[in-house]
N, C-alpha and C. Protein backbone atom coordinates (compact mmCIF):
# COMPACT_ATOMS: atom_id res chain seq x y z
N ILE A 1 0.83 -1.19 0.00
CA ILE A 1 0.00 0.00 0.00
C ILE A 1 0.87 1.25 0.00
N VAL A 2 1.95 1.22 0.78
CA VAL A 2 2.83 2.39 0.87
C VAL A 2 3.52 2.65 -0.48
N THR A 3 4.04 1.60 -1.12
CA THR A 3 4.73 1.81 -2.40
C THR A 3 3.74 2.22 -3.49
N ALA A 4 2.53 1.68 -3.46
CA ALA A 4 1.50 2.07 -4.44
C ALA A 4 1.11 3.53 -4.24
N ALA A 5 0.99 3.95 -3.00
CA ALA A 5 0.65 5.34 -2.71
C ALA A 5 1.78 6.27 -3.16
N PHE A 6 3.02 5.87 -2.91
CA PHE A 6 4.18 6.66 -3.33
C PHE A 6 4.21 6.77 -4.86
N GLN A 7 3.95 5.67 -5.52
CA GLN A 7 3.94 5.67 -6.99
C GLN A 7 2.81 6.56 -7.51
N ALA A 8 1.65 6.50 -6.91
CA ALA A 8 0.53 7.34 -7.32
C ALA A 8 0.87 8.83 -7.11
N TYR A 9 1.50 9.13 -6.00
CA TYR A 9 1.91 10.51 -5.72
C TYR A 9 2.86 11.02 -6.80
N THR A 10 3.90 10.23 -7.11
CA THR A 10 4.87 10.68 -8.11
C THR A 10 4.24 10.79 -9.49
N HIS A 11 3.27 9.94 -9.77
CA HIS A 11 2.54 10.04 -11.05
C HIS A 11 1.92 11.43 -11.16
N GLY A 12 1.34 11.89 -10.09
CA GLY A 12 0.73 13.21 -10.07
C GLY A 12 1.74 14.34 -10.14
N THR A 13 2.98 14.10 -9.71
CA THR A 13 3.99 15.15 -9.76
C THR A 13 4.51 15.39 -11.17
N ASN A 14 4.23 14.48 -12.09
CA ASN A 14 4.80 14.62 -13.43
C ASN A 14 3.74 14.79 -14.50
N ASP A 15 2.75 13.93 -14.56
CA ASP A 15 1.79 13.96 -15.66
C ASP A 15 0.95 15.23 -15.70
N ALA A 16 0.41 15.63 -14.59
CA ALA A 16 -0.45 16.82 -14.57
C ALA A 16 0.33 18.07 -14.93
N GLN A 17 1.59 18.14 -14.53
CA GLN A 17 2.40 19.32 -14.80
C GLN A 17 2.64 19.49 -16.30
N LYS A 18 2.77 18.38 -17.02
CA LYS A 18 2.96 18.49 -18.47
C LYS A 18 1.74 19.15 -19.11
N ALA A 19 0.57 18.70 -18.74
CA ALA A 19 -0.66 19.26 -19.31
C ALA A 19 -0.83 20.72 -18.91
N MET A 20 -0.58 21.03 -17.65
CA MET A 20 -0.73 22.42 -17.20
C MET A 20 0.26 23.34 -17.89
N GLY A 21 1.47 22.86 -18.11
CA GLY A 21 2.48 23.67 -18.80
C GLY A 21 2.09 23.97 -20.24
N ILE A 22 1.58 22.96 -20.93
CA ILE A 22 1.16 23.16 -22.32
C ILE A 22 0.00 24.14 -22.41
N ILE A 23 -0.99 23.99 -21.54
CA ILE A 23 -2.15 24.89 -21.55
C ILE A 23 -1.72 26.32 -21.22
N THR A 24 -0.87 26.47 -20.22
CA THR A 24 -0.41 27.81 -19.83
C THR A 24 0.40 28.46 -20.95
N MET A 25 1.27 27.70 -21.59
CA MET A 25 2.05 28.26 -22.71
C MET A 25 1.14 28.64 -23.87
N ALA A 26 0.11 27.85 -24.12
CA ALA A 26 -0.85 28.20 -25.18
C ALA A 26 -1.59 29.49 -24.84
N LEU A 27 -1.96 29.65 -23.57
CA LEU A 27 -2.63 30.88 -23.13
C LEU A 27 -1.71 32.09 -23.31
N ILE A 28 -0.44 31.92 -22.97
CA ILE A 28 0.53 33.02 -23.12
C ILE A 28 0.72 33.33 -24.61
N ALA A 29 0.89 32.29 -25.43
CA ALA A 29 1.11 32.49 -26.86
C ALA A 29 -0.10 33.17 -27.52
N GLY A 30 -1.29 32.85 -27.02
CA GLY A 30 -2.50 33.46 -27.57
C GLY A 30 -2.83 34.82 -27.01
N GLY A 31 -2.03 35.29 -26.05
CA GLY A 31 -2.26 36.59 -25.45
C GLY A 31 -3.33 36.61 -24.38
N TYR A 32 -3.71 35.46 -23.87
CA TYR A 32 -4.75 35.38 -22.85
C TYR A 32 -4.20 35.35 -21.42
N HIS A 33 -2.89 35.24 -21.30
CA HIS A 33 -2.26 35.16 -19.98
C HIS A 33 -0.89 35.82 -20.10
N ALA A 34 -0.47 36.55 -19.07
CA ALA A 34 0.75 37.34 -19.18
C ALA A 34 1.96 36.73 -18.46
N THR A 35 1.75 35.83 -17.50
CA THR A 35 2.88 35.29 -16.73
C THR A 35 2.94 33.78 -16.87
N THR A 36 4.02 33.21 -16.36
CA THR A 36 4.14 31.75 -16.38
C THR A 36 3.47 31.10 -15.17
N ASP A 37 2.84 31.91 -14.32
CA ASP A 37 2.08 31.35 -13.20
C ASP A 37 0.88 30.59 -13.78
N ILE A 38 0.67 29.40 -13.28
CA ILE A 38 -0.43 28.57 -13.80
C ILE A 38 -1.74 29.01 -13.16
N PRO A 39 -2.72 29.40 -13.98
CA PRO A 39 -4.01 29.84 -13.43
C PRO A 39 -4.70 28.70 -12.66
N GLU A 40 -5.44 29.09 -11.65
CA GLU A 40 -6.11 28.09 -10.81
C GLU A 40 -7.06 27.21 -11.61
N TRP A 41 -7.78 27.80 -12.57
CA TRP A 41 -8.73 27.00 -13.36
C TRP A 41 -8.00 25.96 -14.20
N VAL A 42 -6.74 26.24 -14.59
CA VAL A 42 -5.95 25.26 -15.34
C VAL A 42 -5.57 24.10 -14.43
N ARG A 43 -5.19 24.41 -13.20
CA ARG A 43 -4.84 23.37 -12.23
C ARG A 43 -6.04 22.44 -11.97
N ILE A 44 -7.20 23.06 -11.75
CA ILE A 44 -8.41 22.28 -11.47
C ILE A 44 -8.80 21.45 -12.69
N SER A 45 -8.72 22.05 -13.87
CA SER A 45 -9.06 21.33 -15.10
C SER A 45 -8.14 20.14 -15.32
N ALA A 46 -6.84 20.34 -15.09
CA ALA A 46 -5.88 19.24 -15.26
C ALA A 46 -6.16 18.10 -14.28
N ALA A 47 -6.44 18.47 -13.04
CA ALA A 47 -6.75 17.44 -12.03
C ALA A 47 -8.01 16.67 -12.40
N LEU A 48 -9.04 17.38 -12.84
CA LEU A 48 -10.29 16.72 -13.24
C LEU A 48 -10.07 15.82 -14.46
N ALA A 49 -9.34 16.34 -15.44
CA ALA A 49 -9.08 15.55 -16.65
C ALA A 49 -8.28 14.29 -16.32
N MET A 50 -7.28 14.41 -15.46
CA MET A 50 -6.49 13.23 -15.07
C MET A 50 -7.35 12.22 -14.32
N GLY A 51 -8.15 12.72 -13.39
CA GLY A 51 -9.01 11.82 -12.62
C GLY A 51 -10.05 11.13 -13.49
N LEU A 52 -10.71 11.91 -14.34
CA LEU A 52 -11.72 11.32 -15.23
C LEU A 52 -11.10 10.38 -16.25
N GLY A 53 -9.95 10.76 -16.79
CA GLY A 53 -9.27 9.90 -17.75
C GLY A 53 -8.87 8.56 -17.15
N THR A 54 -8.38 8.60 -15.94
CA THR A 54 -8.01 7.37 -15.26
C THR A 54 -9.24 6.53 -14.95
N ALA A 55 -10.32 7.19 -14.50
CA ALA A 55 -11.54 6.47 -14.16
C ALA A 55 -12.19 5.84 -15.38
N VAL A 56 -12.16 6.54 -16.51
CA VAL A 56 -12.85 6.06 -17.70
C VAL A 56 -11.99 5.12 -18.54
N GLY A 57 -10.75 5.52 -18.81
CA GLY A 57 -9.91 4.74 -19.72
C GLY A 57 -8.73 4.06 -19.08
N GLY A 58 -8.42 4.43 -17.86
CA GLY A 58 -7.25 3.87 -17.20
C GLY A 58 -7.35 2.39 -16.89
N TRP A 59 -8.56 1.88 -16.77
CA TRP A 59 -8.74 0.47 -16.42
C TRP A 59 -8.09 -0.44 -17.44
N LYS A 60 -8.12 -0.06 -18.73
CA LYS A 60 -7.52 -0.92 -19.76
C LYS A 60 -6.00 -0.95 -19.62
N ILE A 61 -5.41 0.21 -19.35
CA ILE A 61 -3.96 0.25 -19.14
C ILE A 61 -3.60 -0.55 -17.89
N ILE A 62 -4.35 -0.34 -16.83
CA ILE A 62 -4.08 -1.06 -15.58
C ILE A 62 -4.21 -2.57 -15.79
N LYS A 63 -5.22 -2.98 -16.54
CA LYS A 63 -5.44 -4.41 -16.81
C LYS A 63 -4.27 -4.99 -17.59
N THR A 64 -3.81 -4.27 -18.61
CA THR A 64 -2.69 -4.75 -19.43
C THR A 64 -1.40 -4.76 -18.63
N VAL A 65 -1.06 -3.64 -18.03
CA VAL A 65 0.19 -3.52 -17.30
C VAL A 65 0.18 -4.40 -16.05
N GLY A 66 -0.96 -4.46 -15.38
CA GLY A 66 -1.04 -5.19 -14.13
C GLY A 66 -1.27 -6.68 -14.25
N GLY A 67 -1.61 -7.19 -15.43
CA GLY A 67 -1.89 -8.61 -15.51
C GLY A 67 -1.47 -9.31 -16.77
N LYS A 68 -1.29 -8.58 -17.85
CA LYS A 68 -0.98 -9.25 -19.11
C LYS A 68 0.51 -9.36 -19.41
N ILE A 69 1.34 -8.56 -18.74
CA ILE A 69 2.78 -8.64 -18.96
C ILE A 69 3.36 -9.82 -18.19
N MET A 70 2.91 -9.99 -16.98
CA MET A 70 3.39 -11.10 -16.13
C MET A 70 2.40 -11.28 -14.98
N LYS A 71 2.51 -12.39 -14.32
CA LYS A 71 1.68 -12.63 -13.14
C LYS A 71 2.36 -11.92 -11.96
N ILE A 72 1.70 -10.89 -11.48
CA ILE A 72 2.30 -10.05 -10.44
C ILE A 72 1.89 -10.54 -9.06
N ARG A 73 2.91 -10.74 -8.22
CA ARG A 73 2.68 -11.03 -6.80
C ARG A 73 2.96 -9.75 -6.02
N PRO A 74 2.57 -9.70 -4.77
CA PRO A 74 2.77 -8.46 -3.99
C PRO A 74 4.20 -7.93 -4.01
N ILE A 75 5.19 -8.81 -3.91
CA ILE A 75 6.58 -8.33 -3.91
C ILE A 75 6.95 -7.74 -5.26
N ASN A 76 6.41 -8.32 -6.36
CA ASN A 76 6.67 -7.76 -7.70
C ASN A 76 6.07 -6.37 -7.81
N GLY A 77 4.83 -6.23 -7.35
CA GLY A 77 4.16 -4.94 -7.41
C GLY A 77 4.87 -3.89 -6.58
N ALA A 78 5.32 -4.28 -5.39
CA ALA A 78 6.02 -3.33 -4.52
C ALA A 78 7.33 -2.88 -5.17
N ALA A 79 8.08 -3.82 -5.75
CA ALA A 79 9.35 -3.48 -6.40
C ALA A 79 9.11 -2.58 -7.62
N ALA A 80 8.10 -2.92 -8.42
CA ALA A 80 7.80 -2.10 -9.60
C ALA A 80 7.31 -0.72 -9.19
N ASP A 81 6.44 -0.64 -8.19
CA ASP A 81 5.95 0.66 -7.70
C ASP A 81 7.09 1.52 -7.19
N LEU A 82 7.94 0.94 -6.35
CA LEU A 82 9.03 1.71 -5.75
C LEU A 82 10.02 2.17 -6.80
N SER A 83 10.42 1.28 -7.71
CA SER A 83 11.40 1.68 -8.73
C SER A 83 10.83 2.71 -9.69
N SER A 84 9.59 2.53 -10.12
CA SER A 84 9.00 3.51 -11.04
C SER A 84 8.78 4.84 -10.33
N ALA A 85 8.40 4.80 -9.06
CA ALA A 85 8.22 6.04 -8.30
C ALA A 85 9.54 6.80 -8.19
N LEU A 86 10.62 6.09 -7.96
CA LEU A 86 11.93 6.75 -7.86
C LEU A 86 12.36 7.37 -9.18
N VAL A 87 12.10 6.66 -10.29
CA VAL A 87 12.43 7.20 -11.62
C VAL A 87 11.59 8.45 -11.91
N ILE A 88 10.29 8.37 -11.67
CA ILE A 88 9.40 9.50 -11.94
C ILE A 88 9.74 10.69 -11.05
N LEU A 89 9.98 10.44 -9.77
CA LEU A 89 10.33 11.52 -8.85
C LEU A 89 11.65 12.18 -9.26
N SER A 90 12.63 11.37 -9.66
CA SER A 90 13.91 11.93 -10.12
C SER A 90 13.70 12.81 -11.34
N ALA A 91 12.91 12.34 -12.29
CA ALA A 91 12.63 13.14 -13.49
C ALA A 91 11.92 14.44 -13.11
N THR A 92 10.98 14.35 -12.21
CA THR A 92 10.25 15.54 -11.77
C THR A 92 11.19 16.54 -11.10
N MET A 93 12.09 16.05 -10.27
CA MET A 93 13.03 16.94 -9.57
C MET A 93 13.94 17.68 -10.55
N PHE A 94 14.24 17.04 -11.69
CA PHE A 94 15.08 17.67 -12.72
C PHE A 94 14.24 18.37 -13.79
N HIS A 95 12.93 18.48 -13.53
CA HIS A 95 12.00 19.14 -14.45
C HIS A 95 11.97 18.47 -15.82
N LEU A 96 12.05 17.15 -15.83
CA LEU A 96 12.01 16.38 -17.07
C LEU A 96 10.66 15.68 -17.21
N PRO A 97 9.99 15.87 -18.32
CA PRO A 97 8.72 15.16 -18.50
C PRO A 97 9.00 13.71 -18.92
N VAL A 98 8.33 12.79 -18.29
CA VAL A 98 8.44 11.38 -18.68
C VAL A 98 7.04 10.79 -18.80
N SER A 99 6.94 9.75 -19.56
CA SER A 99 5.68 9.03 -19.65
C SER A 99 5.62 8.07 -18.47
N THR A 100 4.72 8.35 -17.55
CA THR A 100 4.62 7.47 -16.38
C THR A 100 4.18 6.07 -16.79
N THR A 101 3.36 5.96 -17.82
CA THR A 101 2.94 4.63 -18.29
C THR A 101 4.15 3.85 -18.80
N HIS A 102 5.04 4.52 -19.52
CA HIS A 102 6.25 3.85 -20.01
C HIS A 102 7.13 3.41 -18.86
N VAL A 103 7.29 4.29 -17.89
CA VAL A 103 8.15 3.97 -16.74
C VAL A 103 7.58 2.78 -15.96
N ILE A 104 6.30 2.80 -15.69
CA ILE A 104 5.68 1.73 -14.91
C ILE A 104 5.70 0.41 -15.67
N SER A 105 5.37 0.45 -16.96
CA SER A 105 5.40 -0.76 -17.78
C SER A 105 6.80 -1.36 -17.82
N SER A 106 7.79 -0.50 -18.00
CA SER A 106 9.18 -0.96 -18.04
C SER A 106 9.60 -1.55 -16.70
N ALA A 107 9.16 -0.95 -15.61
CA ALA A 107 9.49 -1.47 -14.28
C ALA A 107 8.90 -2.86 -14.09
N ILE A 108 7.68 -3.06 -14.55
CA ILE A 108 7.06 -4.38 -14.42
C ILE A 108 7.79 -5.40 -15.27
N MET A 109 8.19 -5.01 -16.48
CA MET A 109 8.98 -5.92 -17.33
C MET A 109 10.30 -6.26 -16.66
N GLY A 110 10.94 -5.25 -16.06
CA GLY A 110 12.21 -5.47 -15.38
C GLY A 110 12.08 -6.39 -14.17
N VAL A 111 11.03 -6.18 -13.39
CA VAL A 111 10.79 -7.05 -12.23
C VAL A 111 10.53 -8.48 -12.69
N GLY A 112 9.72 -8.63 -13.74
CA GLY A 112 9.43 -9.97 -14.26
C GLY A 112 10.66 -10.66 -14.80
N ALA A 113 11.48 -9.91 -15.55
CA ALA A 113 12.70 -10.49 -16.12
C ALA A 113 13.70 -10.85 -15.02
N ALA A 114 13.77 -10.05 -13.96
CA ALA A 114 14.68 -10.35 -12.85
C ALA A 114 14.24 -11.61 -12.12
N GLN A 115 12.94 -11.82 -12.03
CA GLN A 115 12.42 -13.00 -11.35
C GLN A 115 12.61 -14.24 -12.22
N ARG A 116 12.15 -14.14 -13.45
CA ARG A 116 12.26 -15.27 -14.39
C ARG A 116 11.98 -14.72 -15.78
N VAL A 117 12.97 -14.73 -16.65
CA VAL A 117 12.84 -14.13 -17.98
C VAL A 117 11.65 -14.72 -18.74
N LYS A 118 11.44 -16.01 -18.60
CA LYS A 118 10.32 -16.65 -19.32
C LYS A 118 8.98 -16.35 -18.68
N GLY A 119 8.98 -15.73 -17.51
CA GLY A 119 7.74 -15.38 -16.85
C GLY A 119 7.08 -14.14 -17.44
N VAL A 120 7.85 -13.39 -18.25
CA VAL A 120 7.32 -12.19 -18.90
C VAL A 120 6.72 -12.61 -20.24
N LYS A 121 5.54 -12.10 -20.51
CA LYS A 121 4.91 -12.36 -21.81
C LYS A 121 5.49 -11.34 -22.79
N TRP A 122 6.57 -11.73 -23.45
CA TRP A 122 7.32 -10.81 -24.30
C TRP A 122 6.53 -10.36 -25.52
N GLY A 123 5.56 -11.14 -25.95
CA GLY A 123 4.71 -10.72 -27.06
C GLY A 123 3.91 -9.48 -26.69
N VAL A 124 3.37 -9.47 -25.48
CA VAL A 124 2.63 -8.31 -24.98
C VAL A 124 3.60 -7.13 -24.84
N ALA A 125 4.77 -7.38 -24.26
CA ALA A 125 5.77 -6.32 -24.07
C ALA A 125 6.19 -5.75 -25.43
N ARG A 126 6.38 -6.61 -26.42
CA ARG A 126 6.77 -6.17 -27.76
C ARG A 126 5.70 -5.26 -28.36
N ARG A 127 4.42 -5.63 -28.21
CA ARG A 127 3.33 -4.80 -28.73
C ARG A 127 3.29 -3.44 -28.05
N ILE A 128 3.55 -3.42 -26.74
CA ILE A 128 3.57 -2.15 -26.00
C ILE A 128 4.70 -1.26 -26.52
N VAL A 129 5.90 -1.81 -26.65
CA VAL A 129 7.04 -1.03 -27.12
C VAL A 129 6.83 -0.58 -28.56
N LEU A 130 6.28 -1.43 -29.39
CA LEU A 130 6.00 -1.05 -30.78
C LEU A 130 5.00 0.11 -30.83
N THR A 131 4.01 0.06 -29.97
CA THR A 131 3.04 1.16 -29.89
C THR A 131 3.74 2.45 -29.49
N TRP A 132 4.68 2.39 -28.54
CA TRP A 132 5.42 3.58 -28.14
C TRP A 132 6.17 4.16 -29.34
N ILE A 133 6.82 3.29 -30.11
CA ILE A 133 7.62 3.74 -31.25
C ILE A 133 6.72 4.34 -32.34
N ILE A 134 5.60 3.71 -32.60
CA ILE A 134 4.69 4.18 -33.64
C ILE A 134 4.03 5.51 -33.24
N THR A 135 3.79 5.71 -31.96
CA THR A 135 3.09 6.91 -31.49
C THR A 135 3.76 8.20 -31.93
N LEU A 136 5.07 8.28 -31.86
CA LEU A 136 5.77 9.53 -32.18
C LEU A 136 5.57 9.97 -33.63
N PRO A 137 5.90 9.15 -34.63
CA PRO A 137 5.71 9.63 -36.01
C PRO A 137 4.24 9.81 -36.39
N VAL A 138 3.36 8.96 -35.88
CA VAL A 138 1.94 9.10 -36.20
C VAL A 138 1.39 10.40 -35.61
N SER A 139 1.76 10.71 -34.39
CA SER A 139 1.33 11.97 -33.77
C SER A 139 1.86 13.17 -34.54
N ALA A 140 3.11 13.09 -34.98
CA ALA A 140 3.69 14.19 -35.77
C ALA A 140 2.95 14.36 -37.09
N LEU A 141 2.64 13.27 -37.76
CA LEU A 141 1.92 13.36 -39.03
C LEU A 141 0.52 13.94 -38.85
N ILE A 142 -0.19 13.48 -37.84
CA ILE A 142 -1.54 13.99 -37.58
C ILE A 142 -1.48 15.47 -37.23
N ALA A 143 -0.52 15.87 -36.39
CA ALA A 143 -0.39 17.28 -36.03
C ALA A 143 -0.09 18.14 -37.26
N GLY A 144 0.78 17.66 -38.12
CA GLY A 144 1.08 18.40 -39.35
C GLY A 144 -0.15 18.53 -40.24
N PHE A 145 -0.91 17.46 -40.35
CA PHE A 145 -2.14 17.46 -41.16
C PHE A 145 -3.16 18.44 -40.58
N VAL A 146 -3.37 18.40 -39.29
CA VAL A 146 -4.31 19.31 -38.64
C VAL A 146 -3.86 20.76 -38.80
N TYR A 147 -2.55 20.99 -38.67
CA TYR A 147 -2.02 22.34 -38.85
C TYR A 147 -2.32 22.86 -40.26
N GLN A 148 -2.10 22.02 -41.26
CA GLN A 148 -2.37 22.43 -42.65
C GLN A 148 -3.85 22.77 -42.86
N ILE A 149 -4.72 22.00 -42.26
CA ILE A 149 -6.16 22.27 -42.37
C ILE A 149 -6.51 23.58 -41.66
N LEU A 150 -6.03 23.75 -40.44
CA LEU A 150 -6.31 24.98 -39.69
C LEU A 150 -5.74 26.21 -40.38
N ARG A 151 -4.62 26.06 -41.02
CA ARG A 151 -3.98 27.18 -41.71
C ARG A 151 -4.86 27.70 -42.87
N LEU A 152 -5.63 26.80 -43.46
CA LEU A 152 -6.55 27.20 -44.54
C LEU A 152 -7.65 28.12 -44.03
N PHE A 153 -8.06 27.92 -42.78
CA PHE A 153 -9.18 28.68 -42.23
C PHE A 153 -8.74 29.90 -41.40
N PHE A 154 -7.53 29.91 -40.94
CA PHE A 154 -7.10 31.01 -40.08
C PHE A 154 -5.93 31.67 -40.71
């Protein structure tokens, strides 16, 4: 419970800040905000979005990471929680954005491989990593496409 709580805390120290930073910079760029101080409504919106996103869609990630990569026992979960929390907290302290899902998934793979390499379902792990790799160029292409469309109207 303690390591899970610590991991949840560090998750909040990194993910919400990325969203709040992007929204605040967009407000500044659009001339709607003058300082880098994050408006209270942005903080509340980010917290609500994170909570709702986890409640609505997080179950699938939790199901995959928590059960499809390997059979997790309490000691595995504690080790993965503690190690991922330390990585996320370190990144946060250095003001580095990281994907908490990537960190946690990798920690679970590492714990599984340390226990027994064949205990990890590497096919599932491979699909997860492939999705990570595909996400970057696909997101860039979609963003470029949307930009070109918006440029026609604005």
